[in-house]
Amino acid sequence: MASNSRRLCVGVTGNLSVRISQHRKGEVPGFARKYQMKRLVYVDEATNALDAIKCEKQIKGWVREKKVGLIEGLSPRWQDLGDFLLGE
């Protein structure tokens, strides 16, 4: 997830559409709500929860430039992919 100022938040969920809605409504406490992380700018799928958590930890350990490269490889203009996934 990203804020309008392109601050980043990495996470894992078992229900992406619910999680996007929670972010957009400001229901995710802490860092995500404080910095208004409301835009889904990158998404990946894992075969199981352990693989998802492993990938999350790996990405969190990257420098910002590498995260930005990952996002811009999928969405060069940082489009909100949540609109597409939610059919909005």
PDB file of N, CA and C in Angstrom:
ATOM      1  N   MET A   1       0.850  -1.167   0.000  1.00  0.00           N
ATOM      2  CA  MET A   1       0.000   0.000   0.000  1.00  0.00           C
ATOM      3  C   MET A   1       0.896   1.231   0.000  1.00  0.00           C
ATOM      4  N   ALA A   2       0.325   2.324  -0.499  1.00  0.00           N
ATOM      5  CA  ALA A   2       1.082   3.571  -0.546  1.00  0.00           C
ATOM      6  C   ALA A   2       0.168   4.743  -0.211  1.00  0.00           C
ATOM      7  N   SER A   3       0.800   5.791   0.267  1.00  0.00           N
ATOM      8  CA  SER A   3       0.088   7.050   0.499  1.00  0.00           C
ATOM      9  C   SER A   3       0.181   7.884  -0.780  1.00  0.00           C
ATOM     10  N   ASN A   4      -0.523   8.998  -0.819  1.00  0.00           N
ATOM     11  CA  ASN A   4      -0.436   9.887  -1.976  1.00  0.00           C
ATOM     12  C   ASN A   4       0.967  10.444  -2.147  1.00  0.00           C
ATOM     13  N   SER A   5       1.715  10.547  -1.035  1.00  0.00           N
ATOM     14  CA  SER A   5       3.095  11.045  -1.105  1.00  0.00           C
ATOM     15  C   SER A   5       4.095   9.923  -1.385  1.00  0.00           C
ATOM     16  N   ARG A   6       3.576   8.727  -1.660  1.00  0.00           N
ATOM     17  CA  ARG A   6       4.368   7.539  -2.025  1.00  0.00           C
ATOM     18  C   ARG A   6       5.150   6.943  -0.855  1.00  0.00           C
ATOM     19  N   ARG A   7       4.673   7.151   0.341  1.00  0.00           N
ATOM     20  CA  ARG A   7       5.204   6.428   1.491  1.00  0.00           C
ATOM     21  C   ARG A   7       4.682   4.991   1.356  1.00  0.00           C
ATOM     22  N   LEU A   8       5.478   4.003   1.736  1.00  0.00           N
ATOM     23  CA  LEU A   8       5.123   2.606   1.486  1.00  0.00           C
ATOM     24  C   LEU A   8       4.841   1.804   2.754  1.00  0.00           C
ATOM     25  N   CYS A   9       3.962   0.827   2.610  1.00  0.00           N
ATOM     26  CA  CYS A   9       3.617  -0.102   3.677  1.00  0.00           C
ATOM     27  C   CYS A   9       3.484  -1.487   3.042  1.00  0.00           C
ATOM     28  N   VAL A  10       4.185  -2.470   3.566  1.00  0.00           N
ATOM     29  CA  VAL A  10       4.162  -3.833   3.031  1.00  0.00           C
ATOM     30  C   VAL A  10       3.431  -4.730   4.013  1.00  0.00           C
ATOM     31  N   GLY A  11       2.562  -5.602   3.500  1.00  0.00           N
ATOM     32  CA  GLY A  11       1.835  -6.488   4.391  1.00  0.00           C
ATOM     33  C   GLY A  11       1.320  -7.732   3.691  1.00  0.00           C
ATOM     34  N   VAL A  12       0.704  -8.605   4.483  1.00  0.00           N
ATOM     35  CA  VAL A  12       0.150  -9.872   4.007  1.00  0.00           C
ATOM     36  C   VAL A  12      -1.305  -9.942   4.426  1.00  0.00           C
ATOM     37  N   THR A  13      -2.137 -10.506   3.578  1.00  0.00           N
ATOM     38  CA  THR A  13      -3.535 -10.704   3.921  1.00  0.00           C
ATOM     39  C   THR A  13      -4.076 -11.960   3.257  1.00  0.00           C
ATOM     40  N   GLY A  14      -5.088 -12.525   3.854  1.00  0.00           N
ATOM     41  CA  GLY A  14      -5.776 -13.668   3.269  1.00  0.00           C
ATOM     42  C   GLY A  14      -6.992 -13.250   2.470  1.00  0.00           C
ATOM     43  N   ASN A  15      -7.364 -11.956   2.558  1.00  0.00           N
ATOM     44  CA  ASN A  15      -8.522 -11.454   1.828  1.00  0.00           C
ATOM     45  C   ASN A  15      -8.210 -10.034   1.353  1.00  0.00           C
ATOM     46  N   LEU A  16      -7.724  -9.938   0.132  1.00  0.00           N
ATOM     47  CA  LEU A  16      -7.220  -8.664  -0.383  1.00  0.00           C
ATOM     48  C   LEU A  16      -8.306  -7.603  -0.494  1.00  0.00           C
ATOM     49  N   SER A  17      -9.475  -7.952  -0.981  1.00  0.00           N
ATOM     50  CA  SER A  17     -10.517  -6.935  -1.149  1.00  0.00           C
ATOM     51  C   SER A  17     -10.943  -6.343   0.189  1.00  0.00           C
ATOM     52  N   VAL A  18     -11.040  -7.176   1.231  1.00  0.00           N
ATOM     53  CA  VAL A  18     -11.381  -6.674   2.571  1.00  0.00           C
ATOM     54  C   VAL A  18     -10.274  -5.767   3.087  1.00  0.00           C
ATOM     55  N   ARG A  19      -9.039  -6.175   2.891  1.00  0.00           N
ATOM     56  CA  ARG A  19      -7.906  -5.389   3.385  1.00  0.00           C
ATOM     57  C   ARG A  19      -7.815  -4.025   2.684  1.00  0.00           C
ATOM     58  N   ILE A  20      -8.063  -3.999   1.385  1.00  0.00           N
ATOM     59  CA  ILE A  20      -8.058  -2.732   0.655  1.00  0.00           C
ATOM     60  C   ILE A  20      -9.124  -1.812   1.245  1.00  0.00           C
ATOM     61  N   SER A  21     -10.314  -2.345   1.458  1.00  0.00           N
ATOM     62  CA  SER A  21     -11.411  -1.554   2.030  1.00  0.00           C
ATOM     63  C   SER A  21     -11.047  -1.029   3.415  1.00  0.00           C
ATOM     64  N   GLN A  22     -10.413  -1.859   4.228  1.00  0.00           N
ATOM     65  CA  GLN A  22      -9.996  -1.435   5.563  1.00  0.00           C
ATOM     66  C   GLN A  22      -9.003  -0.273   5.474  1.00  0.00           C
ATOM     67  N   HIS A  23      -8.053  -0.368   4.568  1.00  0.00           N
ATOM     68  CA  HIS A  23      -7.078   0.711   4.398  1.00  0.00           C
ATOM     69  C   HIS A  23      -7.769   1.991   3.948  1.00  0.00           C
ATOM     70  N   ARG A  24      -8.658   1.874   2.990  1.00  0.00           N
ATOM     71  CA  ARG A  24      -9.336   3.058   2.452  1.00  0.00           C
ATOM     72  C   ARG A  24     -10.219   3.743   3.493  1.00  0.00           C
ATOM     73  N   LYS A  25     -10.778   2.974   4.398  1.00  0.00           N
ATOM     74  CA  LYS A  25     -11.645   3.527   5.451  1.00  0.00           C
ATOM     75  C   LYS A  25     -10.853   3.978   6.673  1.00  0.00           C
ATOM     76  N   GLY A  26      -9.540   3.742   6.674  1.00  0.00           N
ATOM     77  CA  GLY A  26      -8.707   4.131   7.807  1.00  0.00           C
ATOM     78  C   GLY A  26      -8.856   3.205   8.996  1.00  0.00           C
ATOM     79  N   GLU A  27      -9.253   1.960   8.746  1.00  0.00           N
ATOM     80  CA  GLU A  27      -9.471   1.004   9.820  1.00  0.00           C
ATOM     81  C   GLU A  27      -8.220   0.229  10.228  1.00  0.00           C
ATOM     82  N   VAL A  28      -7.130   0.420   9.515  1.00  0.00           N
ATOM     83  CA  VAL A  28      -5.888  -0.274   9.840  1.00  0.00           C
ATOM     84  C   VAL A  28      -5.081   0.654  10.749  1.00  0.00           C
ATOM     85  N   PRO A  29      -4.943   0.312  12.034  1.00  0.00           N
ATOM     86  CA  PRO A  29      -4.296   1.225  12.977  1.00  0.00           C
ATOM     87  C   PRO A  29      -2.789   1.358  12.762  1.00  0.00           C
ATOM     88  N   GLY A  30      -2.231   2.351  13.401  1.00  0.00           N
ATOM     89  CA  GLY A  30      -0.784   2.536  13.399  1.00  0.00           C
ATOM     90  C   GLY A  30      -0.273   3.274  12.178  1.00  0.00           C
ATOM     91  N   PHE A  31       0.844   2.811  11.661  1.00  0.00           N
ATOM     92  CA  PHE A  31       1.555   3.448  10.550  1.00  0.00           C
ATOM     93  C   PHE A  31       0.638   3.656   9.344  1.00  0.00           C
ATOM     94  N   ALA A  32      -0.134   2.630   8.993  1.00  0.00           N
ATOM     95  CA  ALA A  32      -0.989   2.695   7.804  1.00  0.00           C
ATOM     96  C   ALA A  32      -2.033   3.802   7.903  1.00  0.00           C
ATOM     97  N   ARG A  33      -2.648   3.944   9.052  1.00  0.00           N
ATOM     98  CA  ARG A  33      -3.649   4.997   9.223  1.00  0.00           C
ATOM     99  C   ARG A  33      -2.982   6.368   9.349  1.00  0.00           C
ATOM    100  N   LYS A  34      -1.901   6.434  10.122  1.00  0.00           N
ATOM    101  CA  LYS A  34      -1.204   7.713  10.331  1.00  0.00           C
ATOM    102  C   LYS A  34      -0.783   8.339   9.006  1.00  0.00           C
ATOM    103  N   TYR A  35      -0.284   7.529   8.079  1.00  0.00           N
ATOM    104  CA  TYR A  35       0.209   8.041   6.811  1.00  0.00           C
ATOM    105  C   TYR A  35      -0.761   7.813   5.653  1.00  0.00           C
ATOM    106  N   GLN A  36      -1.994   7.447   5.958  1.00  0.00           N
ATOM    107  CA  GLN A  36      -3.070   7.297   4.980  1.00  0.00           C
ATOM    108  C   GLN A  36      -2.686   6.393   3.805  1.00  0.00           C
ATOM    109  N   MET A  37      -2.317   5.176   4.159  1.00  0.00           N
ATOM    110  CA  MET A  37      -1.973   4.174   3.148  1.00  0.00           C
ATOM    111  C   MET A  37      -3.263   3.633   2.542  1.00  0.00           C
ATOM    112  N   LYS A  38      -3.690   4.209   1.421  1.00  0.00           N
ATOM    113  CA  LYS A  38      -4.986   3.876   0.843  1.00  0.00           C
ATOM    114  C   LYS A  38      -4.916   3.347  -0.583  1.00  0.00           C
ATOM    115  N   ARG A  39      -3.727   3.336  -1.160  1.00  0.00           N
ATOM    116  CA  ARG A  39      -3.594   2.926  -2.565  1.00  0.00           C
ATOM    117  C   ARG A  39      -2.795   1.637  -2.682  1.00  0.00           C
ATOM    118  N   LEU A  40      -3.386   0.646  -3.325  1.00  0.00           N
ATOM    119  CA  LEU A  40      -2.685  -0.605  -3.607  1.00  0.00           C
ATOM    120  C   LEU A  40      -1.845  -0.381  -4.854  1.00  0.00           C
ATOM    121  N   VAL A  41      -0.535  -0.400  -4.703  1.00  0.00           N
ATOM    122  CA  VAL A  41       0.345  -0.114  -5.836  1.00  0.00           C
ATOM    123  C   VAL A  41       1.137  -1.329  -6.301  1.00  0.00           C
ATOM    124  N   TYR A  42       1.068  -2.410  -5.551  1.00  0.00           N
ATOM    125  CA  TYR A  42       1.733  -3.654  -5.953  1.00  0.00           C
ATOM    126  C   TYR A  42       1.028  -4.806  -5.260  1.00  0.00           C
ATOM    127  N   VAL A  43       0.919  -5.906  -5.958  1.00  0.00           N
ATOM    128  CA  VAL A  43       0.320  -7.099  -5.372  1.00  0.00           C
ATOM    129  C   VAL A  43       1.014  -8.332  -5.947  1.00  0.00           C
ATOM    130  N   ASP A  44       1.170  -9.318  -5.118  1.00  0.00           N
ATOM    131  CA  ASP A  44       1.750 -10.593  -5.537  1.00  0.00           C
ATOM    132  C   ASP A  44       0.970 -11.681  -4.826  1.00  0.00           C
ATOM    133  N   GLU A  45       1.009 -12.866  -5.365  1.00  0.00           N
ATOM    134  CA  GLU A  45       0.263 -13.980  -4.791  1.00  0.00           C
ATOM    135  C   GLU A  45       1.222 -15.080  -4.366  1.00  0.00           C
ATOM    136  N   ALA A  46       0.935 -15.680  -3.218  1.00  0.00           N
ATOM    137  CA  ALA A  46       1.747 -16.791  -2.712  1.00  0.00           C
ATOM    138  C   ALA A  46       0.872 -18.034  -2.622  1.00  0.00           C
ATOM    139  N   THR A  47       1.519 -19.190  -2.641  1.00  0.00           N
ATOM    140  CA  THR A  47       0.756 -20.441  -2.592  1.00  0.00           C
ATOM    141  C   THR A  47       0.289 -20.783  -1.184  1.00  0.00           C
ATOM    142  N   ASN A  48       0.971 -20.227  -0.170  1.00  0.00           N
ATOM    143  CA  ASN A  48       0.558 -20.484   1.214  1.00  0.00           C
ATOM    144  C   ASN A  48       1.026 -19.334   2.108  1.00  0.00           C
ATOM    145  N   ALA A  49       0.509 -19.332   3.331  1.00  0.00           N
ATOM    146  CA  ALA A  49       0.793 -18.230   4.261  1.00  0.00           C
ATOM    147  C   ALA A  49       2.276 -18.114   4.595  1.00  0.00           C
ATOM    148  N   LEU A  50       2.953 -19.221   4.775  1.00  0.00           N
ATOM    149  CA  LEU A  50       4.378 -19.160   5.118  1.00  0.00           C
ATOM    150  C   LEU A  50       5.200 -18.526   4.004  1.00  0.00           C
ATOM    151  N   ASP A  51       4.893 -18.868   2.758  1.00  0.00           N
ATOM    152  CA  ASP A  51       5.595 -18.252   1.635  1.00  0.00           C
ATOM    153  C   ASP A  51       5.291 -16.758   1.553  1.00  0.00           C
ATOM    154  N   ALA A  52       4.041 -16.394   1.834  1.00  0.00           N
ATOM    155  CA  ALA A  52       3.653 -14.979   1.805  1.00  0.00           C
ATOM    156  C   ALA A  52       4.419 -14.189   2.857  1.00  0.00           C
ATOM    157  N   ILE A  53       4.511 -14.716   4.054  1.00  0.00           N
ATOM    158  CA  ILE A  53       5.230 -14.042   5.139  1.00  0.00           C
ATOM    159  C   ILE A  53       6.717 -13.937   4.823  1.00  0.00           C
ATOM    160  N   LYS A  54       7.266 -14.982   4.243  1.00  0.00           N
ATOM    161  CA  LYS A  54       8.681 -14.965   3.858  1.00  0.00           C
ATOM    162  C   LYS A  54       8.936 -13.862   2.822  1.00  0.00           C
ATOM    163  N   CYS A  55       8.050 -13.748   1.841  1.00  0.00           N
ATOM    164  CA  CYS A  55       8.179 -12.712   0.811  1.00  0.00           C
ATOM    165  C   CYS A  55       8.021 -11.330   1.424  1.00  0.00           C
ATOM    166  N   GLU A  56       7.047 -11.169   2.324  1.00  0.00           N
ATOM    167  CA  GLU A  56       6.835  -9.880   3.002  1.00  0.00           C
ATOM    168  C   GLU A  56       8.098  -9.446   3.734  1.00  0.00           C
ATOM    169  N   LYS A  57       8.686 -10.349   4.495  1.00  0.00           N
ATOM    170  CA  LYS A  57       9.894 -10.009   5.253  1.00  0.00           C
ATOM    171  C   LYS A  57      11.056  -9.655   4.334  1.00  0.00           C
ATOM    172  N   GLN A  58      11.139 -10.366   3.217  1.00  0.00           N
ATOM    173  CA  GLN A  58      12.206 -10.082   2.260  1.00  0.00           C
ATOM    174  C   GLN A  58      12.049  -8.665   1.699  1.00  0.00           C
ATOM    175  N   ILE A  59      10.841  -8.329   1.258  1.00  0.00           N
ATOM    176  CA  ILE A  59      10.596  -7.007   0.673  1.00  0.00           C
ATOM    177  C   ILE A  59      10.796  -5.912   1.717  1.00  0.00           C
ATOM    178  N   LYS A  60      10.355  -6.138   2.941  1.00  0.00           N
ATOM    179  CA  LYS A  60      10.549  -5.140   3.998  1.00  0.00           C
ATOM    180  C   LYS A  60      12.028  -4.852   4.241  1.00  0.00           C
ATOM    181  N   GLY A  61      12.885  -5.828   3.967  1.00  0.00           N
ATOM    182  CA  GLY A  61      14.319  -5.666   4.165  1.00  0.00           C
ATOM    183  C   GLY A  61      15.025  -4.937   3.029  1.00  0.00           C
ATOM    184  N   TRP A  62      14.328  -4.713   1.938  1.00  0.00           N
ATOM    185  CA  TRP A  62      14.926  -4.037   0.787  1.00  0.00           C
ATOM    186  C   TRP A  62      15.061  -2.539   1.032  1.00  0.00           C
ATOM    187  N   VAL A  63      15.993  -1.930   0.344  1.00  0.00           N
ATOM    188  CA  VAL A  63      16.088  -0.470   0.343  1.00  0.00           C
ATOM    189  C   VAL A  63      14.921   0.075  -0.474  1.00  0.00           C
ATOM    190  N   ARG A  64      14.555   1.310  -0.224  1.00  0.00           N
ATOM    191  CA  ARG A  64      13.398   1.920  -0.889  1.00  0.00           C
ATOM    192  C   ARG A  64      13.494   1.850  -2.416  1.00  0.00           C
ATOM    193  N   GLU A  65      14.663   2.110  -2.972  1.00  0.00           N
ATOM    194  CA  GLU A  65      14.833   2.126  -4.425  1.00  0.00           C
ATOM    195  C   GLU A  65      14.446   0.787  -5.048  1.00  0.00           C
ATOM    196  N   LYS A  66      14.757  -0.298  -4.373  1.00  0.00           N
ATOM    197  CA  LYS A  66      14.405  -1.618  -4.893  1.00  0.00           C
ATOM    198  C   LYS A  66      12.890  -1.830  -4.832  1.00  0.00           C
ATOM    199  N   LYS A  67      12.245  -1.366  -3.764  1.00  0.00           N
ATOM    200  CA  LYS A  67      10.787  -1.458  -3.657  1.00  0.00           C
ATOM    201  C   LYS A  67      10.124  -0.628  -4.751  1.00  0.00           C
ATOM    202  N   VAL A  68      10.626   0.573  -4.979  1.00  0.00           N
ATOM    203  CA  VAL A  68      10.085   1.447  -6.021  1.00  0.00           C
ATOM    204  C   VAL A  68      10.232   0.778  -7.388  1.00  0.00           C
ATOM    205  N   GLY A  69      11.341   0.150  -7.643  1.00  0.00           N
ATOM    206  CA  GLY A  69      11.551  -0.566  -8.901  1.00  0.00           C
ATOM    207  C   GLY A  69      10.544  -1.687  -9.097  1.00  0.00           C
ATOM    208  N   LEU A  70      10.241  -2.393  -8.027  1.00  0.00           N
ATOM    209  CA  LEU A  70       9.247  -3.468  -8.081  1.00  0.00           C
ATOM    210  C   LEU A  70       7.872  -2.892  -8.436  1.00  0.00           C
ATOM    211  N   ILE A  71       7.499  -1.812  -7.787  1.00  0.00           N
ATOM    212  CA  ILE A  71       6.205  -1.163  -8.045  1.00  0.00           C
ATOM    213  C   ILE A  71       6.147  -0.646  -9.475  1.00  0.00           C
ATOM    214  N   GLU A  72       7.171   0.084  -9.881  1.00  0.00           N
ATOM    215  CA  GLU A  72       7.145   0.710 -11.196  1.00  0.00           C
ATOM    216  C   GLU A  72       7.269  -0.300 -12.331  1.00  0.00           C
ATOM    217  N   GLY A  73       7.756  -1.505 -12.039  1.00  0.00           N
ATOM    218  CA  GLY A  73       7.764  -2.572 -13.031  1.00  0.00           C
ATOM    219  C   GLY A  73       6.353  -3.048 -13.357  1.00  0.00           C
ATOM    220  N   LEU A  74       5.458  -2.906 -12.405  1.00  0.00           N
ATOM    221  CA  LEU A  74       4.058  -3.305 -12.582  1.00  0.00           C
ATOM    222  C   LEU A  74       3.183  -2.107 -12.931  1.00  0.00           C
ATOM    223  N   SER A  75       3.445  -0.975 -12.323  1.00  0.00           N
ATOM    224  CA  SER A  75       2.598   0.213 -12.471  1.00  0.00           C
ATOM    225  C   SER A  75       3.466   1.469 -12.470  1.00  0.00           C
ATOM    226  N   PRO A  76       4.006   1.840 -13.630  1.00  0.00           N
ATOM    227  CA  PRO A  76       4.937   2.969 -13.699  1.00  0.00           C
ATOM    228  C   PRO A  76       4.391   4.275 -13.121  1.00  0.00           C
ATOM    229  N   ARG A  77       3.076   4.479 -13.167  1.00  0.00           N
ATOM    230  CA  ARG A  77       2.477   5.716 -12.654  1.00  0.00           C
ATOM    231  C   ARG A  77       1.875   5.531 -11.265  1.00  0.00           C
ATOM    232  N   TRP A  78       2.180   4.410 -10.615  1.00  0.00           N
ATOM    233  CA  TRP A  78       1.691   4.113  -9.269  1.00  0.00           C
ATOM    234  C   TRP A  78       0.164   4.153  -9.214  1.00  0.00           C
ATOM    235  N   GLN A  79      -0.478   3.590 -10.223  1.00  0.00           N
ATOM    236  CA  GLN A  79      -1.940   3.541 -10.245  1.00  0.00           C
ATOM    237  C   GLN A  79      -2.447   2.713  -9.076  1.00  0.00           C
ATOM    238  N   ASP A  80      -3.635   3.045  -8.602  1.00  0.00           N
ATOM    239  CA  ASP A  80      -4.262   2.291  -7.519  1.00  0.00           C
ATOM    240  C   ASP A  80      -4.865   1.019  -8.097  1.00  0.00           C
ATOM    241  N   LEU A  81      -4.194  -0.097  -7.885  1.00  0.00           N
ATOM    242  CA  LEU A  81      -4.660  -1.379  -8.404  1.00  0.00           C
ATOM    243  C   LEU A  81      -5.910  -1.850  -7.675  1.00  0.00           C
ATOM    244  N   GLY A  82      -6.176  -1.275  -6.516  1.00  0.00           N
ATOM    245  CA  GLY A  82      -7.369  -1.619  -5.758  1.00  0.00           C
ATOM    246  C   GLY A  82      -8.638  -1.296  -6.523  1.00  0.00           C
ATOM    247  N   ASP A  83      -8.630  -0.210  -7.291  1.00  0.00           N
ATOM    248  CA  ASP A  83      -9.806   0.139  -8.098  1.00  0.00           C
ATOM    249  C   ASP A  83     -10.128  -0.980  -9.076  1.00  0.00           C
ATOM    250  N   PHE A  84      -9.122  -1.506  -9.716  1.00  0.00           N
ATOM    251  CA  PHE A  84      -9.302  -2.598 -10.677  1.00  0.00           C
ATOM    252  C   PHE A  84      -9.794  -3.867  -9.977  1.00  0.00           C
ATOM    253  N   LEU A  85      -9.150  -4.210  -8.869  1.00  0.00           N
ATOM    254  CA  LEU A  85      -9.510  -5.440  -8.155  1.00  0.00           C
ATOM    255  C   LEU A  85     -10.902  -5.389  -7.526  1.00  0.00           C
ATOM    256  N   LEU A  86     -11.309  -4.188  -7.105  1.00  0.00           N
ATOM    257  CA  LEU A  86     -12.636  -4.029  -6.490  1.00  0.00           C
ATOM    258  C   LEU A  86     -13.713  -3.685  -7.507  1.00  0.00           C
ATOM    259  N   GLY A  87     -13.310  -3.503  -8.766  1.00  0.00           N
ATOM    260  CA  GLY A  87     -14.266  -3.174  -9.815  1.00  0.00           C
ATOM    261  C   GLY A  87     -14.801  -1.769  -9.730  1.00  0.00           C
ATOM    262  N   GLU A  88     -13.977  -0.845  -9.264  1.00  0.00           N
ATOM    263  CA  GLU A  88     -14.411   0.565  -9.115  1.00  0.00           C
ATOM    264  C   GLU A  88     -13.902   1.419 -10.249  1.00  0.00           C
TER     265      GLU A  88
END
